[in-house]
Amino acid sequence: MISAWDCFHCACLELVRSTPIKQRLVSAYRRHLASLPEDQLPSDVREFFGQVLRSLGGVQPLRGEDAVAASVRKMSNQEADDCAALIVEIFGLMCRDRVTANRPNGVVQLHGVDCAPAEFEAPALVANS
């Protein structure tokens, strides 16, 4: 079974394609998020995911379309951008949680601490007249 993290990762990849934002949003939801059970999500992102679900399911569909297509059709481009950004934000929170869980003290070291101060010294520049 695919993890919630993987679902959001794939949804984010879908959101960065070159097609129009509304098309990307519908595709990301249908292909990667629609069947994701909320109980698989970390508790700190469930409320945000609920916002996404409400945004993508709040409009009564016309004949031949589903609630997601109807909701996205009614969205402005800015609302679609905001919904997509919320999906990316959720993924970011899940990434942070994943990194923190894999580090016992929650610290991420970006460079070695065993470098001597002399390694960072630069020679003085002297102007000759």
N, C-alpha and C. Protein backbone atom coordinates (compact mmCIF):
# COMPACT_ATOMS: atom_id res chain seq x y z
N MET A 1 0.84 -1.17 0.00
CA MET A 1 0.00 0.00 0.00
C MET A 1 0.90 1.24 0.00
N ILE A 2 0.53 2.23 -0.78
CA ILE A 2 1.31 3.46 -0.91
C ILE A 2 1.06 4.34 0.32
N SER A 3 2.11 4.96 0.82
CA SER A 3 2.00 5.76 2.03
C SER A 3 1.40 7.14 1.73
N ALA A 4 0.93 7.80 2.76
CA ALA A 4 0.39 9.16 2.62
C ALA A 4 1.48 10.10 2.11
N TRP A 5 2.71 9.92 2.60
CA TRP A 5 3.82 10.75 2.15
C TRP A 5 4.02 10.59 0.64
N ASP A 6 3.99 9.35 0.16
CA ASP A 6 4.16 9.09 -1.27
C ASP A 6 3.02 9.69 -2.08
N CYS A 7 1.80 9.63 -1.57
CA CYS A 7 0.65 10.23 -2.26
C CYS A 7 0.83 11.73 -2.41
N PHE A 8 1.25 12.40 -1.36
CA PHE A 8 1.46 13.84 -1.43
C PHE A 8 2.67 14.18 -2.30
N HIS A 9 3.70 13.37 -2.25
CA HIS A 9 4.86 13.59 -3.10
C HIS A 9 4.44 13.54 -4.57
N CYS A 10 3.69 12.52 -4.95
CA CYS A 10 3.22 12.39 -6.33
C CYS A 10 2.26 13.52 -6.70
N ALA A 11 1.41 13.93 -5.77
CA ALA A 11 0.49 15.04 -6.03
C ALA A 11 1.27 16.32 -6.29
N CYS A 12 2.33 16.55 -5.53
CA CYS A 12 3.15 17.75 -5.75
C CYS A 12 3.85 17.70 -7.11
N LEU A 13 4.32 16.52 -7.50
CA LEU A 13 4.92 16.39 -8.82
C LEU A 13 3.90 16.68 -9.92
N GLU A 14 2.67 16.27 -9.70
CA GLU A 14 1.58 16.55 -10.64
C GLU A 14 1.33 18.06 -10.72
N LEU A 15 1.44 18.74 -9.60
CA LEU A 15 1.15 20.17 -9.56
C LEU A 15 2.19 21.04 -10.26
N VAL A 16 3.36 20.50 -10.54
CA VAL A 16 4.40 21.31 -11.19
C VAL A 16 4.50 21.08 -12.69
N ARG A 17 3.56 20.38 -13.25
CA ARG A 17 3.55 20.17 -14.70
C ARG A 17 3.20 21.47 -15.42
N SER A 18 3.28 21.47 -16.72
CA SER A 18 3.08 22.70 -17.49
C SER A 18 1.63 22.93 -17.93
N THR A 19 0.72 22.08 -17.57
CA THR A 19 -0.68 22.26 -17.94
C THR A 19 -1.32 23.34 -17.06
N PRO A 20 -2.51 23.83 -17.42
CA PRO A 20 -3.17 24.87 -16.60
C PRO A 20 -3.40 24.40 -15.16
N ILE A 21 -3.37 25.34 -14.23
CA ILE A 21 -3.44 25.03 -12.80
C ILE A 21 -4.68 24.23 -12.45
N LYS A 22 -5.82 24.56 -13.02
CA LYS A 22 -7.04 23.83 -12.67
C LYS A 22 -6.96 22.38 -13.11
N GLN A 23 -6.38 22.14 -14.26
CA GLN A 23 -6.20 20.78 -14.75
C GLN A 23 -5.24 20.01 -13.85
N ARG A 24 -4.15 20.67 -13.44
CA ARG A 24 -3.17 20.02 -12.55
C ARG A 24 -3.78 19.68 -11.20
N LEU A 25 -4.61 20.59 -10.70
CA LEU A 25 -5.24 20.39 -9.39
C LEU A 25 -6.18 19.19 -9.42
N VAL A 26 -7.03 19.12 -10.44
CA VAL A 26 -7.95 17.98 -10.57
C VAL A 26 -7.16 16.69 -10.70
N SER A 27 -6.13 16.70 -11.51
CA SER A 27 -5.33 15.51 -11.74
C SER A 27 -4.60 15.06 -10.47
N ALA A 28 -4.02 16.01 -9.76
CA ALA A 28 -3.32 15.67 -8.51
C ALA A 28 -4.27 15.04 -7.51
N TYR A 29 -5.47 15.61 -7.41
CA TYR A 29 -6.44 15.06 -6.47
C TYR A 29 -6.90 13.67 -6.91
N ARG A 30 -7.36 13.57 -8.14
CA ARG A 30 -7.92 12.28 -8.60
C ARG A 30 -6.89 11.16 -8.60
N ARG A 31 -5.69 11.44 -9.07
CA ARG A 31 -4.68 10.39 -9.21
C ARG A 31 -4.01 10.01 -7.89
N HIS A 32 -3.90 10.98 -6.95
CA HIS A 32 -3.05 10.71 -5.81
C HIS A 32 -3.68 10.94 -4.44
N LEU A 33 -4.70 11.77 -4.35
CA LEU A 33 -5.22 12.11 -3.03
C LEU A 33 -6.64 11.63 -2.76
N ALA A 34 -7.38 11.30 -3.80
CA ALA A 34 -8.80 10.97 -3.65
C ALA A 34 -9.04 9.76 -2.74
N SER A 35 -8.21 8.77 -2.85
CA SER A 35 -8.44 7.55 -2.08
C SER A 35 -7.62 7.48 -0.79
N LEU A 36 -6.99 8.59 -0.44
CA LEU A 36 -6.15 8.62 0.76
C LEU A 36 -7.00 8.72 2.02
N PRO A 37 -6.97 7.70 2.87
CA PRO A 37 -7.73 7.78 4.13
C PRO A 37 -7.11 8.83 5.06
N GLU A 38 -7.96 9.66 5.63
CA GLU A 38 -7.48 10.73 6.51
C GLU A 38 -6.72 10.20 7.71
N ASP A 39 -7.05 9.00 8.17
CA ASP A 39 -6.38 8.46 9.35
C ASP A 39 -4.93 8.04 9.06
N GLN A 40 -4.52 8.02 7.79
CA GLN A 40 -3.12 7.74 7.45
C GLN A 40 -2.25 8.98 7.57
N LEU A 41 -2.88 10.14 7.68
CA LEU A 41 -2.15 11.40 7.75
C LEU A 41 -1.70 11.70 9.18
N PRO A 42 -0.57 12.37 9.32
CA PRO A 42 -0.19 12.83 10.66
C PRO A 42 -1.27 13.78 11.19
N SER A 43 -1.48 13.76 12.47
CA SER A 43 -2.57 14.55 13.06
C SER A 43 -2.42 16.04 12.81
N ASP A 44 -1.17 16.54 12.69
CA ASP A 44 -0.98 17.97 12.51
C ASP A 44 -1.32 18.48 11.11
N VAL A 45 -1.62 17.58 10.16
CA VAL A 45 -2.00 18.02 8.81
C VAL A 45 -3.44 17.66 8.44
N ARG A 46 -4.12 16.94 9.29
CA ARG A 46 -5.48 16.50 8.95
C ARG A 46 -6.44 17.66 8.73
N GLU A 47 -6.33 18.70 9.53
CA GLU A 47 -7.22 19.85 9.36
C GLU A 47 -6.97 20.53 8.02
N PHE A 48 -5.70 20.65 7.64
CA PHE A 48 -5.37 21.25 6.35
C PHE A 48 -5.88 20.39 5.20
N PHE A 49 -5.75 19.08 5.34
CA PHE A 49 -6.26 18.18 4.30
C PHE A 49 -7.78 18.30 4.21
N GLY A 50 -8.44 18.48 5.34
CA GLY A 50 -9.88 18.71 5.33
C GLY A 50 -10.24 19.96 4.55
N GLN A 51 -9.42 21.01 4.67
CA GLN A 51 -9.64 22.24 3.90
C GLN A 51 -9.54 21.95 2.40
N VAL A 52 -8.56 21.15 2.01
CA VAL A 52 -8.40 20.78 0.60
C VAL A 52 -9.65 20.04 0.13
N LEU A 53 -10.09 19.07 0.93
CA LEU A 53 -11.27 18.29 0.55
C LEU A 53 -12.51 19.17 0.41
N ARG A 54 -12.67 20.12 1.33
CA ARG A 54 -13.82 21.03 1.25
C ARG A 54 -13.74 21.92 0.02
N SER A 55 -12.54 22.36 -0.31
CA SER A 55 -12.35 23.21 -1.50
C SER A 55 -12.66 22.45 -2.79
N LEU A 56 -12.33 21.18 -2.78
CA LEU A 56 -12.49 20.38 -4.00
C LEU A 56 -13.81 19.63 -4.08
N GLY A 57 -14.69 19.84 -3.14
CA GLY A 57 -15.94 19.10 -3.17
C GLY A 57 -17.15 19.91 -2.80
N GLY A 58 -17.06 21.21 -2.81
CA GLY A 58 -18.14 22.04 -2.31
C GLY A 58 -19.19 22.48 -3.30
N VAL A 59 -19.03 22.17 -4.58
CA VAL A 59 -19.96 22.65 -5.59
C VAL A 59 -20.79 21.50 -6.14
N GLN A 60 -22.07 21.77 -6.31
CA GLN A 60 -22.99 20.78 -6.89
C GLN A 60 -22.61 20.56 -8.36
N PRO A 61 -22.32 19.32 -8.75
CA PRO A 61 -21.87 19.07 -10.13
C PRO A 61 -23.02 19.16 -11.14
N LEU A 62 -22.66 19.52 -12.35
CA LEU A 62 -23.59 19.46 -13.47
C LEU A 62 -23.63 18.02 -13.97
N ARG A 63 -24.59 17.73 -14.83
CA ARG A 63 -24.69 16.37 -15.38
C ARG A 63 -23.40 16.03 -16.12
N GLY A 64 -22.85 14.89 -15.83
CA GLY A 64 -21.64 14.42 -16.50
C GLY A 64 -20.33 14.81 -15.84
N GLU A 65 -20.40 15.52 -14.73
CA GLU A 65 -19.16 15.85 -14.03
C GLU A 65 -19.29 15.47 -12.56
N ASP A 66 -18.17 15.40 -11.88
CA ASP A 66 -18.19 15.09 -10.45
C ASP A 66 -17.99 16.38 -9.66
N ALA A 67 -18.07 16.27 -8.34
CA ALA A 67 -17.96 17.44 -7.47
C ALA A 67 -16.60 18.11 -7.58
N VAL A 68 -15.54 17.33 -7.80
CA VAL A 68 -14.21 17.90 -7.92
C VAL A 68 -14.12 18.77 -9.18
N ALA A 69 -14.57 18.23 -10.31
CA ALA A 69 -14.54 19.01 -11.56
C ALA A 69 -15.38 20.26 -11.43
N ALA A 70 -16.56 20.15 -10.82
CA ALA A 70 -17.44 21.31 -10.65
C ALA A 70 -16.81 22.34 -9.73
N SER A 71 -16.22 21.90 -8.64
CA SER A 71 -15.61 22.83 -7.68
C SER A 71 -14.44 23.57 -8.29
N VAL A 72 -13.59 22.85 -9.00
CA VAL A 72 -12.42 23.48 -9.62
C VAL A 72 -12.86 24.39 -10.77
N ARG A 73 -13.88 24.01 -11.51
CA ARG A 73 -14.39 24.86 -12.59
C ARG A 73 -14.86 26.20 -12.04
N LYS A 74 -15.47 26.19 -10.87
CA LYS A 74 -15.99 27.41 -10.26
C LYS A 74 -14.91 28.25 -9.57
N MET A 75 -13.75 27.68 -9.33
CA MET A 75 -12.67 28.41 -8.66
C MET A 75 -12.07 29.48 -9.59
N SER A 76 -11.63 30.56 -8.98
CA SER A 76 -10.79 31.50 -9.73
C SER A 76 -9.40 30.88 -9.84
N ASN A 77 -8.57 31.43 -10.69
CA ASN A 77 -7.20 30.92 -10.78
C ASN A 77 -6.47 31.11 -9.45
N GLN A 78 -6.75 32.22 -8.76
CA GLN A 78 -6.13 32.45 -7.46
C GLN A 78 -6.55 31.40 -6.44
N GLU A 79 -7.83 31.05 -6.43
CA GLU A 79 -8.31 30.01 -5.51
C GLU A 79 -7.68 28.66 -5.83
N ALA A 80 -7.51 28.37 -7.12
CA ALA A 80 -6.84 27.12 -7.52
C ALA A 80 -5.38 27.14 -7.09
N ASP A 81 -4.72 28.29 -7.26
CA ASP A 81 -3.34 28.44 -6.80
C ASP A 81 -3.24 28.20 -5.29
N ASP A 82 -4.17 28.79 -4.55
CA ASP A 82 -4.17 28.66 -3.09
C ASP A 82 -4.38 27.21 -2.66
N CYS A 83 -5.27 26.51 -3.34
CA CYS A 83 -5.52 25.11 -3.01
C CYS A 83 -4.28 24.26 -3.31
N ALA A 84 -3.67 24.51 -4.46
CA ALA A 84 -2.44 23.79 -4.82
C ALA A 84 -1.33 24.09 -3.81
N ALA A 85 -1.22 25.35 -3.40
CA ALA A 85 -0.20 25.73 -2.42
C ALA A 85 -0.43 25.03 -1.09
N LEU A 86 -1.69 24.84 -0.72
CA LEU A 86 -2.00 24.14 0.53
C LEU A 86 -1.57 22.67 0.44
N ILE A 87 -1.74 22.06 -0.71
CA ILE A 87 -1.28 20.68 -0.89
C ILE A 87 0.23 20.61 -0.73
N VAL A 88 0.94 21.56 -1.32
CA VAL A 88 2.41 21.59 -1.20
C VAL A 88 2.81 21.86 0.25
N GLU A 89 2.08 22.75 0.92
CA GLU A 89 2.37 23.04 2.33
C GLU A 89 2.19 21.79 3.20
N ILE A 90 1.14 21.03 2.94
CA ILE A 90 0.92 19.78 3.69
C ILE A 90 2.09 18.84 3.47
N PHE A 91 2.52 18.71 2.22
CA PHE A 91 3.67 17.84 1.93
C PHE A 91 4.92 18.33 2.66
N GLY A 92 5.12 19.64 2.70
CA GLY A 92 6.26 20.20 3.43
C GLY A 92 6.21 19.86 4.91
N LEU A 93 5.04 19.96 5.50
CA LEU A 93 4.89 19.60 6.92
C LEU A 93 5.18 18.12 7.14
N MET A 94 4.71 17.30 6.21
CA MET A 94 4.96 15.86 6.33
C MET A 94 6.45 15.55 6.18
N CYS A 95 7.14 16.28 5.30
CA CYS A 95 8.59 16.10 5.14
C CYS A 95 9.32 16.49 6.41
N ARG A 96 8.92 17.62 7.00
CA ARG A 96 9.54 18.08 8.25
C ARG A 96 9.36 17.02 9.34
N ASP A 97 8.13 16.50 9.45
CA ASP A 97 7.86 15.47 10.45
C ASP A 97 8.71 14.23 10.21
N ARG A 98 8.87 13.88 8.95
CA ARG A 98 9.64 12.69 8.60
C ARG A 98 11.12 12.86 8.95
N VAL A 99 11.67 14.04 8.66
CA VAL A 99 13.08 14.31 8.98
C VAL A 99 13.28 14.33 10.49
N THR A 100 12.38 15.00 11.19
CA THR A 100 12.48 15.09 12.65
C THR A 100 12.40 13.71 13.28
N ALA A 101 11.54 12.86 12.76
CA ALA A 101 11.40 11.51 13.32
C ALA A 101 12.66 10.68 13.10
N ASN A 102 13.39 10.95 12.02
CA ASN A 102 14.60 10.18 11.71
C ASN A 102 15.86 10.73 12.38
N ARG A 103 15.75 11.88 13.01
CA ARG A 103 16.88 12.48 13.73
C ARG A 103 16.56 12.48 15.21
N PRO A 104 17.36 11.80 16.02
CA PRO A 104 17.02 11.70 17.44
C PRO A 104 16.92 13.04 18.16
N ASN A 105 17.74 14.01 17.78
CA ASN A 105 17.68 15.29 18.47
C ASN A 105 17.04 16.38 17.61
N GLY A 106 16.56 16.02 16.41
CA GLY A 106 15.89 16.98 15.55
C GLY A 106 16.82 17.98 14.88
N VAL A 107 18.14 17.75 14.96
CA VAL A 107 19.11 18.68 14.40
C VAL A 107 19.58 18.15 13.05
N VAL A 108 19.62 19.02 12.08
CA VAL A 108 20.16 18.67 10.77
C VAL A 108 21.48 19.40 10.62
N GLN A 109 22.55 18.66 10.42
CA GLN A 109 23.87 19.25 10.29
C GLN A 109 24.16 19.47 8.81
N LEU A 110 24.46 20.70 8.43
CA LEU A 110 24.66 21.03 7.03
C LEU A 110 26.12 20.93 6.60
N HIS A 111 27.08 21.09 7.51
CA HIS A 111 28.49 20.97 7.18
C HIS A 111 29.23 20.45 8.40
N GLY A 112 30.43 19.98 8.15
CA GLY A 112 31.23 19.42 9.23
C GLY A 112 31.61 20.46 10.27
N VAL A 113 31.68 20.03 11.51
CA VAL A 113 32.10 20.93 12.59
C VAL A 113 33.56 20.71 12.96
N ASP A 114 34.22 19.79 12.25
CA ASP A 114 35.60 19.49 12.59
C ASP A 114 36.59 20.34 11.78
N CYS A 115 36.12 21.39 11.12
CA CYS A 115 37.00 22.28 10.36
C CYS A 115 37.68 23.26 11.32
N ALA A 116 38.97 23.42 11.15
CA ALA A 116 39.72 24.38 11.96
C ALA A 116 39.41 25.79 11.47
N PRO A 117 39.40 26.77 12.40
CA PRO A 117 39.12 28.16 12.00
C PRO A 117 40.05 28.66 10.90
N ALA A 118 41.29 28.18 10.86
CA ALA A 118 42.24 28.63 9.85
C ALA A 118 41.76 28.31 8.43
N GLU A 119 40.96 27.28 8.29
CA GLU A 119 40.45 26.90 6.98
C GLU A 119 39.53 27.96 6.40
N PHE A 120 38.98 28.82 7.24
CA PHE A 120 38.03 29.82 6.78
C PHE A 120 38.66 31.20 6.63
N GLU A 121 39.96 31.31 6.93
CA GLU A 121 40.64 32.60 6.81
C GLU A 121 40.93 32.90 5.35
N ALA A 122 40.82 34.17 5.01
CA ALA A 122 41.14 34.62 3.65
C ALA A 122 42.32 35.57 3.72
N PRO A 123 43.21 35.52 2.75
CA PRO A 123 44.34 36.43 2.78
C PRO A 123 43.87 37.87 2.61
N ALA A 124 44.55 38.78 3.28
CA ALA A 124 44.19 40.19 3.20
C ALA A 124 44.58 40.72 1.82
N LEU A 125 43.75 41.54 1.29
CA LEU A 125 44.05 42.17 0.00
C LEU A 125 44.75 43.50 0.27
N VAL A 126 45.85 43.72 -0.42
CA VAL A 126 46.62 44.93 -0.25
C VAL A 126 46.64 45.67 -1.57
N ALA A 127 46.26 46.92 -1.53
CA ALA A 127 46.26 47.73 -2.76
C ALA A 127 47.65 48.30 -2.98
N ASN A 128 48.18 48.17 -4.17
CA ASN A 128 49.47 48.76 -4.53
C ASN A 128 49.23 50.03 -5.30
N SER A 129 49.94 51.09 -4.93
CA SER A 129 49.79 52.35 -5.66
C SER A 129 50.93 52.57 -6.60
